[in-house]
Amino acid sequence: MTVRVRLFANLREAAGTAECEVETGSAGDVGRLLDLLCADYPMLMPHRNYLRVAVNRVYARPETLLHEGDEVALIPPTSGG
């Protein structure tokens, strides 16, 4: 199964790309996807525990199941004042 991943802000800079496609195997969830992404882009590992993940524009948890063609957004924490 292939999902499209979009990376924002400092995640895009760390990975060197704004978007990629990831093959998750026959089944997968958000947690597995993050494992695969960190293996392909080790510079994302320090950010992993602080990410917000959205699947098809809805915030998701690590156990959220993915489906063929889903769009996954990785959103870093933000702050402002």
PDB file of N, CA and C in Angstrom:
ATOM      1  N   MET A   1       0.838  -1.158   0.000  1.00  0.00           N
ATOM      2  CA  MET A   1       0.000   0.000   0.000  1.00  0.00           C
ATOM      3  C   MET A   1       0.896   1.238   0.000  1.00  0.00           C
ATOM      4  N   THR A   2       0.519   2.204  -0.775  1.00  0.00           N
ATOM      5  CA  THR A   2       1.305   3.433  -0.883  1.00  0.00           C
ATOM      6  C   THR A   2       0.499   4.611  -0.350  1.00  0.00           C
ATOM      7  N   VAL A   3       1.132   5.432   0.483  1.00  0.00           N
ATOM      8  CA  VAL A   3       0.513   6.657   0.974  1.00  0.00           C
ATOM      9  C   VAL A   3       1.407   7.835   0.611  1.00  0.00           C
ATOM     10  N   ARG A   4       0.783   8.983   0.465  1.00  0.00           N
ATOM     11  CA  ARG A   4       1.516  10.212   0.157  1.00  0.00           C
ATOM     12  C   ARG A   4       1.736  10.970   1.458  1.00  0.00           C
ATOM     13  N   VAL A   5       2.978  11.371   1.708  1.00  0.00           N
ATOM     14  CA  VAL A   5       3.328  12.068   2.948  1.00  0.00           C
ATOM     15  C   VAL A   5       3.771  13.484   2.602  1.00  0.00           C
ATOM     16  N   ARG A   6       3.196  14.444   3.310  1.00  0.00           N
ATOM     17  CA  ARG A   6       3.589  15.845   3.157  1.00  0.00           C
ATOM     18  C   ARG A   6       4.255  16.290   4.451  1.00  0.00           C
ATOM     19  N   LEU A   7       5.386  16.967   4.315  1.00  0.00           N
ATOM     20  CA  LEU A   7       6.158  17.433   5.466  1.00  0.00           C
ATOM     21  C   LEU A   7       6.139  18.955   5.498  1.00  0.00           C
ATOM     22  N   PHE A   8       5.977  19.510   6.669  1.00  0.00           N
ATOM     23  CA  PHE A   8       5.862  20.950   6.804  1.00  0.00           C
ATOM     24  C   PHE A   8       6.974  21.532   7.672  1.00  0.00           C
ATOM     25  N   ALA A   9       7.260  22.795   7.421  1.00  0.00           N
ATOM     26  CA  ALA A   9       8.194  23.617   8.200  1.00  0.00           C
ATOM     27  C   ALA A   9       9.556  22.938   8.380  1.00  0.00           C
ATOM     28  N   ASN A  10      10.045  22.832   9.621  1.00  0.00           N
ATOM     29  CA  ASN A  10      11.394  22.307   9.838  1.00  0.00           C
ATOM     30  C   ASN A  10      11.501  20.821   9.488  1.00  0.00           C
ATOM     31  N   LEU A  11      10.392  20.108   9.417  1.00  0.00           N
ATOM     32  CA  LEU A  11      10.431  18.703   8.988  1.00  0.00           C
ATOM     33  C   LEU A  11      10.812  18.613   7.515  1.00  0.00           C
ATOM     34  N   ARG A  12      10.274  19.514   6.722  1.00  0.00           N
ATOM     35  CA  ARG A  12      10.610  19.572   5.291  1.00  0.00           C
ATOM     36  C   ARG A  12      12.097  19.857   5.132  1.00  0.00           C
ATOM     37  N   GLU A  13      12.613  20.774   5.928  1.00  0.00           N
ATOM     38  CA  GLU A  13      14.033  21.107   5.850  1.00  0.00           C
ATOM     39  C   GLU A  13      14.898  19.927   6.294  1.00  0.00           C
ATOM     40  N   ALA A  14      14.494  19.248   7.359  1.00  0.00           N
ATOM     41  CA  ALA A  14      15.276  18.119   7.871  1.00  0.00           C
ATOM     42  C   ALA A  14      15.323  16.974   6.865  1.00  0.00           C
ATOM     43  N   ALA A  15      14.205  16.686   6.219  1.00  0.00           N
ATOM     44  CA  ALA A  15      14.139  15.568   5.271  1.00  0.00           C
ATOM     45  C   ALA A  15      14.647  15.958   3.883  1.00  0.00           C
ATOM     46  N   GLY A  16      14.687  17.254   3.614  1.00  0.00           N
ATOM     47  CA  GLY A  16      15.133  17.695   2.301  1.00  0.00           C
ATOM     48  C   GLY A  16      14.080  17.524   1.216  1.00  0.00           C
ATOM     49  N   THR A  17      12.827  17.348   1.623  1.00  0.00           N
ATOM     50  CA  THR A  17      11.743  17.207   0.653  1.00  0.00           C
ATOM     51  C   THR A  17      10.436  17.646   1.308  1.00  0.00           C
ATOM     52  N   ALA A  18       9.522  18.142   0.507  1.00  0.00           N
ATOM     53  CA  ALA A  18       8.224  18.563   1.013  1.00  0.00           C
ATOM     54  C   ALA A  18       7.193  17.447   0.918  1.00  0.00           C
ATOM     55  N   GLU A  19       7.500  16.450   0.102  1.00  0.00           N
ATOM     56  CA  GLU A  19       6.523  15.392  -0.134  1.00  0.00           C
ATOM     57  C   GLU A  19       7.225  14.123  -0.583  1.00  0.00           C
ATOM     58  N   CYS A  20       6.673  12.980  -0.186  1.00  0.00           N
ATOM     59  CA  CYS A  20       7.206  11.703  -0.638  1.00  0.00           C
ATOM     60  C   CYS A  20       6.092  10.660  -0.607  1.00  0.00           C
ATOM     61  N   GLU A  21       6.334   9.562  -1.271  1.00  0.00           N
ATOM     62  CA  GLU A  21       5.423   8.430  -1.215  1.00  0.00           C
ATOM     63  C   GLU A  21       6.116   7.315  -0.442  1.00  0.00           C
ATOM     64  N   VAL A  22       5.340   6.630   0.402  1.00  0.00           N
ATOM     65  CA  VAL A  22       5.897   5.579   1.236  1.00  0.00           C
ATOM     66  C   VAL A  22       5.088   4.309   1.027  1.00  0.00           C
ATOM     67  N   GLU A  23       5.794   3.222   0.784  1.00  0.00           N
ATOM     68  CA  GLU A  23       5.187   1.902   0.668  1.00  0.00           C
ATOM     69  C   GLU A  23       5.181   1.290   2.063  1.00  0.00           C
ATOM     70  N   THR A  24       3.977   1.035   2.608  1.00  0.00           N
ATOM     71  CA  THR A  24       3.864   0.538   3.976  1.00  0.00           C
ATOM     72  C   THR A  24       3.691  -0.971   4.052  1.00  0.00           C
ATOM     73  N   GLY A  25       3.634  -1.649   2.929  1.00  0.00           N
ATOM     74  CA  GLY A  25       3.351  -3.078   2.931  1.00  0.00           C
ATOM     75  C   GLY A  25       1.862  -3.300   2.773  1.00  0.00           C
ATOM     76  N   SER A  26       1.407  -4.492   3.098  1.00  0.00           N
ATOM     77  CA  SER A  26       0.007  -4.825   2.866  1.00  0.00           C
ATOM     78  C   SER A  26      -0.942  -4.098   3.822  1.00  0.00           C
ATOM     79  N   ALA A  27      -0.477  -3.734   4.989  1.00  0.00           N
ATOM     80  CA  ALA A  27      -1.304  -3.018   5.953  1.00  0.00           C
ATOM     81  C   ALA A  27      -0.397  -2.152   6.800  1.00  0.00           C
ATOM     82  N   GLY A  28      -0.960  -1.151   7.385  1.00  0.00           N
ATOM     83  CA  GLY A  28      -0.136  -0.319   8.238  1.00  0.00           C
ATOM     84  C   GLY A  28      -0.960   0.707   8.969  1.00  0.00           C
ATOM     85  N   ASP A  29      -0.329   1.279   9.968  1.00  0.00           N
ATOM     86  CA  ASP A  29      -0.957   2.354  10.706  1.00  0.00           C
ATOM     87  C   ASP A  29       0.024   3.519  10.780  1.00  0.00           C
ATOM     88  N   VAL A  30      -0.398   4.594  11.398  1.00  0.00           N
ATOM     89  CA  VAL A  30       0.430   5.793  11.480  1.00  0.00           C
ATOM     90  C   VAL A  30       1.754   5.499  12.185  1.00  0.00           C
ATOM     91  N   GLY A  31       1.730   4.705  13.234  1.00  0.00           N
ATOM     92  CA  GLY A  31       2.966   4.368  13.949  1.00  0.00           C
ATOM     93  C   GLY A  31       3.967   3.662  13.059  1.00  0.00           C
ATOM     94  N   ARG A  32       3.499   2.693  12.267  1.00  0.00           N
ATOM     95  CA  ARG A  32       4.384   1.987  11.331  1.00  0.00           C
ATOM     96  C   ARG A  32       4.930   2.949  10.279  1.00  0.00           C
ATOM     97  N   LEU A  33       4.080   3.830   9.786  1.00  0.00           N
ATOM     98  CA  LEU A  33       4.526   4.812   8.804  1.00  0.00           C
ATOM     99  C   LEU A  33       5.647   5.670   9.381  1.00  0.00           C
ATOM    100  N   LEU A  34       5.498   6.115  10.620  1.00  0.00           N
ATOM    101  CA  LEU A  34       6.548   6.921  11.243  1.00  0.00           C
ATOM    102  C   LEU A  34       7.845   6.132  11.386  1.00  0.00           C
ATOM    103  N   ASP A  35       7.738   4.835  11.707  1.00  0.00           N
ATOM    104  CA  ASP A  35       8.931   3.984  11.770  1.00  0.00           C
ATOM    105  C   ASP A  35       9.636   3.957  10.419  1.00  0.00           C
ATOM    106  N   LEU A  36       8.869   3.769   9.355  1.00  0.00           N
ATOM    107  CA  LEU A  36       9.441   3.697   8.006  1.00  0.00           C
ATOM    108  C   LEU A  36      10.066   5.026   7.601  1.00  0.00           C
ATOM    109  N   LEU A  37       9.380   6.116   7.904  1.00  0.00           N
ATOM    110  CA  LEU A  37       9.914   7.437   7.557  1.00  0.00           C
ATOM    111  C   LEU A  37      11.212   7.733   8.294  1.00  0.00           C
ATOM    112  N   CYS A  38      11.268   7.382   9.579  1.00  0.00           N
ATOM    113  CA  CYS A  38      12.491   7.627  10.344  1.00  0.00           C
ATOM    114  C   CYS A  38      13.635   6.750   9.863  1.00  0.00           C
ATOM    115  N   ALA A  39      13.320   5.578   9.325  1.00  0.00           N
ATOM    116  CA  ALA A  39      14.369   4.727   8.749  1.00  0.00           C
ATOM    117  C   ALA A  39      14.893   5.339   7.450  1.00  0.00           C
ATOM    118  N   ASP A  40      13.990   5.884   6.631  1.00  0.00           N
ATOM    119  CA  ASP A  40      14.389   6.496   5.359  1.00  0.00           C
ATOM    120  C   ASP A  40      15.009   7.880   5.545  1.00  0.00           C
ATOM    121  N   TYR A  41      14.530   8.603   6.544  1.00  0.00           N
ATOM    122  CA  TYR A  41      14.992   9.964   6.821  1.00  0.00           C
ATOM    123  C   TYR A  41      15.372  10.052   8.309  1.00  0.00           C
ATOM    124  N   PRO A  42      16.558   9.545   8.688  1.00  0.00           N
ATOM    125  CA  PRO A  42      16.950   9.497  10.107  1.00  0.00           C
ATOM    126  C   PRO A  42      16.911  10.850  10.803  1.00  0.00           C
ATOM    127  N   MET A  43      17.040  11.923  10.043  1.00  0.00           N
ATOM    128  CA  MET A  43      17.018  13.244  10.658  1.00  0.00           C
ATOM    129  C   MET A  43      15.640  13.626  11.203  1.00  0.00           C
ATOM    130  N   LEU A  44      14.615  12.815  10.896  1.00  0.00           N
ATOM    131  CA  LEU A  44      13.286  13.056  11.455  1.00  0.00           C
ATOM    132  C   LEU A  44      13.133  12.463  12.858  1.00  0.00           C
ATOM    133  N   MET A  45      13.991  11.528  13.225  1.00  0.00           N
ATOM    134  CA  MET A  45      13.862  10.822  14.496  1.00  0.00           C
ATOM    135  C   MET A  45      13.772  11.760  15.711  1.00  0.00           C
ATOM    136  N   PRO A  46      14.586  12.812  15.813  1.00  0.00           N
ATOM    137  CA  PRO A  46      14.476  13.685  16.993  1.00  0.00           C
ATOM    138  C   PRO A  46      13.117  14.376  17.106  1.00  0.00           C
ATOM    139  N   HIS A  47      12.383  14.465  16.008  1.00  0.00           N
ATOM    140  CA  HIS A  47      11.095  15.158  15.989  1.00  0.00           C
ATOM    141  C   HIS A  47       9.913  14.212  16.228  1.00  0.00           C
ATOM    142  N   ARG A  48      10.161  12.933  16.130  1.00  0.00           N
ATOM    143  CA  ARG A  48       9.063  11.955  16.105  1.00  0.00           C
ATOM    144  C   ARG A  48       8.066  12.086  17.258  1.00  0.00           C
ATOM    145  N   ASN A  49       8.543  12.234  18.463  1.00  0.00           N
ATOM    146  CA  ASN A  49       7.647  12.272  19.623  1.00  0.00           C
ATOM    147  C   ASN A  49       6.859  13.570  19.754  1.00  0.00           C
ATOM    148  N   TYR A  50       7.160  14.551  18.918  1.00  0.00           N
ATOM    149  CA  TYR A  50       6.509  15.853  19.029  1.00  0.00           C
ATOM    150  C   TYR A  50       5.623  16.177  17.839  1.00  0.00           C
ATOM    151  N   LEU A  51       5.511  15.257  16.903  1.00  0.00           N
ATOM    152  CA  LEU A  51       4.746  15.502  15.684  1.00  0.00           C
ATOM    153  C   LEU A  51       3.249  15.410  15.910  1.00  0.00           C
ATOM    154  N   ARG A  52       2.512  16.180  15.145  1.00  0.00           N
ATOM    155  CA  ARG A  52       1.079  15.949  14.972  1.00  0.00           C
ATOM    156  C   ARG A  52       0.953  15.322  13.593  1.00  0.00           C
ATOM    157  N   VAL A  53       0.099  14.354  13.472  1.00  0.00           N
ATOM    158  CA  VAL A  53      -0.102  13.662  12.200  1.00  0.00           C
ATOM    159  C   VAL A  53      -1.563  13.806  11.814  1.00  0.00           C
ATOM    160  N   ALA A  54      -1.791  14.142  10.558  1.00  0.00           N
ATOM    161  CA  ALA A  54      -3.148  14.201  10.025  1.00  0.00           C
ATOM    162  C   ALA A  54      -3.235  13.235   8.851  1.00  0.00           C
ATOM    163  N   VAL A  55      -4.319  12.478   8.805  1.00  0.00           N
ATOM    164  CA  VAL A  55      -4.591  11.572   7.684  1.00  0.00           C
ATOM    165  C   VAL A  55      -5.821  12.105   6.982  1.00  0.00           C
ATOM    166  N   ASN A  56      -5.645  12.453   5.726  1.00  0.00           N
ATOM    167  CA  ASN A  56      -6.738  13.040   4.945  1.00  0.00           C
ATOM    168  C   ASN A  56      -7.360  14.227   5.675  1.00  0.00           C
ATOM    169  N   ARG A  57      -6.487  15.070   6.217  1.00  0.00           N
ATOM    170  CA  ARG A  57      -6.829  16.330   6.874  1.00  0.00           C
ATOM    171  C   ARG A  57      -7.568  16.190   8.199  1.00  0.00           C
ATOM    172  N   VAL A  58      -7.471  15.022   8.813  1.00  0.00           N
ATOM    173  CA  VAL A  58      -8.054  14.786  10.131  1.00  0.00           C
ATOM    174  C   VAL A  58      -6.930  14.303  11.043  1.00  0.00           C
ATOM    175  N   TYR A  59      -6.762  14.941  12.212  1.00  0.00           N
ATOM    176  CA  TYR A  59      -5.706  14.515  13.121  1.00  0.00           C
ATOM    177  C   TYR A  59      -5.866  13.041  13.464  1.00  0.00           C
ATOM    178  N   ALA A  60      -4.720  12.352  13.552  1.00  0.00           N
ATOM    179  CA  ALA A  60      -4.733  10.904  13.746  1.00  0.00           C
ATOM    180  C   ALA A  60      -3.795  10.505  14.868  1.00  0.00           C
ATOM    181  N   ARG A  61      -4.061   9.333  15.427  1.00  0.00           N
ATOM    182  CA  ARG A  61      -3.230   8.755  16.486  1.00  0.00           C
ATOM    183  C   ARG A  61      -2.341   7.678  15.868  1.00  0.00           C
ATOM    184  N   PRO A  62      -1.321   7.219  16.585  1.00  0.00           N
ATOM    185  CA  PRO A  62      -0.421   6.199  16.032  1.00  0.00           C
ATOM    186  C   PRO A  62      -1.136   4.923  15.583  1.00  0.00           C
ATOM    187  N   GLU A  63      -2.234   4.572  16.217  1.00  0.00           N
ATOM    188  CA  GLU A  63      -2.933   3.344  15.860  1.00  0.00           C
ATOM    189  C   GLU A  63      -3.949   3.517  14.721  1.00  0.00           C
ATOM    190  N   THR A  64      -4.068   4.731  14.179  1.00  0.00           N
ATOM    191  CA  THR A  64      -4.984   4.968  13.060  1.00  0.00           C
ATOM    192  C   THR A  64      -4.528   4.174  11.846  1.00  0.00           C
ATOM    193  N   LEU A  65      -5.432   3.379  11.294  1.00  0.00           N
ATOM    194  CA  LEU A  65      -5.103   2.570  10.121  1.00  0.00           C
ATOM    195  C   LEU A  65      -5.027   3.432   8.871  1.00  0.00           C
ATOM    196  N   LEU A  66      -4.105   3.077   8.009  1.00  0.00           N
ATOM    197  CA  LEU A  66      -3.932   3.769   6.739  1.00  0.00           C
ATOM    198  C   LEU A  66      -4.519   2.931   5.610  1.00  0.00           C
ATOM    199  N   HIS A  67      -4.904   3.621   4.538  1.00  0.00           N
ATOM    200  CA  HIS A  67      -5.460   2.962   3.363  1.00  0.00           C
ATOM    201  C   HIS A  67      -4.738   3.460   2.120  1.00  0.00           C
ATOM    202  N   GLU A  68      -4.772   2.658   1.088  1.00  0.00           N
ATOM    203  CA  GLU A  68      -4.140   3.002  -0.188  1.00  0.00           C
ATOM    204  C   GLU A  68      -4.535   4.416  -0.615  1.00  0.00           C
ATOM    205  N   GLY A  69      -3.530   5.222  -0.940  1.00  0.00           N
ATOM    206  CA  GLY A  69      -3.770   6.563  -1.454  1.00  0.00           C
ATOM    207  C   GLY A  69      -4.025   7.628  -0.410  1.00  0.00           C
ATOM    208  N   ASP A  70      -3.985   7.290   0.883  1.00  0.00           N
ATOM    209  CA  ASP A  70      -4.184   8.307   1.915  1.00  0.00           C
ATOM    210  C   ASP A  70      -3.123   9.393   1.810  1.00  0.00           C
ATOM    211  N   GLU A  71      -3.515  10.601   2.208  1.00  0.00           N
ATOM    212  CA  GLU A  71      -2.566  11.696   2.316  1.00  0.00           C
ATOM    213  C   GLU A  71      -2.283  11.918   3.797  1.00  0.00           C
ATOM    214  N   VAL A  72      -1.024  11.837   4.164  1.00  0.00           N
ATOM    215  CA  VAL A  72      -0.597  11.983   5.557  1.00  0.00           C
ATOM    216  C   VAL A  72       0.244  13.253   5.666  1.00  0.00           C
ATOM    217  N   ALA A  73      -0.125  14.111   6.605  1.00  0.00           N
ATOM    218  CA  ALA A  73       0.636  15.336   6.840  1.00  0.00           C
ATOM    219  C   ALA A  73       1.364  15.224   8.167  1.00  0.00           C
ATOM    220  N   LEU A  74       2.639  15.547   8.154  1.00  0.00           N
ATOM    221  CA  LEU A  74       3.444  15.594   9.380  1.00  0.00           C
ATOM    222  C   LEU A  74       3.616  17.064   9.759  1.00  0.00           C
ATOM    223  N   ILE A  75       3.122  17.391  10.940  1.00  0.00           N
ATOM    224  CA  ILE A  75       3.066  18.790  11.367  1.00  0.00           C
ATOM    225  C   ILE A  75       3.894  18.940  12.639  1.00  0.00           C
ATOM    226  N   PRO A  76       4.915  19.788  12.607  1.00  0.00           N
ATOM    227  CA  PRO A  76       5.728  19.991  13.803  1.00  0.00           C
ATOM    228  C   PRO A  76       4.990  20.864  14.811  1.00  0.00           C
ATOM    229  N   PRO A  77       5.415  20.833  16.068  1.00  0.00           N
ATOM    230  CA  PRO A  77       4.800  21.735  17.050  1.00  0.00           C
ATOM    231  C   PRO A  77       5.076  23.180  16.657  1.00  0.00           C
ATOM    232  N   THR A  78       4.148  24.041  17.011  1.00  0.00           N
ATOM    233  CA  THR A  78       4.326  25.457  16.715  1.00  0.00           C
ATOM    234  C   THR A  78       4.160  26.248  18.003  1.00  0.00           C
ATOM    235  N   SER A  79       4.730  27.405  18.003  1.00  0.00           N
ATOM    236  CA  SER A  79       4.542  28.313  19.129  1.00  0.00           C
ATOM    237  C   SER A  79       4.541  29.734  18.587  1.00  0.00           C
ATOM    238  N   GLY A  80       4.046  30.585  19.339  1.00  0.00           N
ATOM    239  CA  GLY A  80       4.001  31.976  18.894  1.00  0.00           C
ATOM    240  C   GLY A  80       3.647  32.857  20.066  1.00  0.00           C
ATOM    241  N   GLY A  81       3.608  34.102  19.775  1.00  0.00           N
ATOM    242  CA  GLY A  81       3.289  34.977  20.896  1.00  0.00           C
ATOM    243  C   GLY A  81       2.888  36.331  20.427  1.00  0.00           C
TER     244      GLY A  81
END
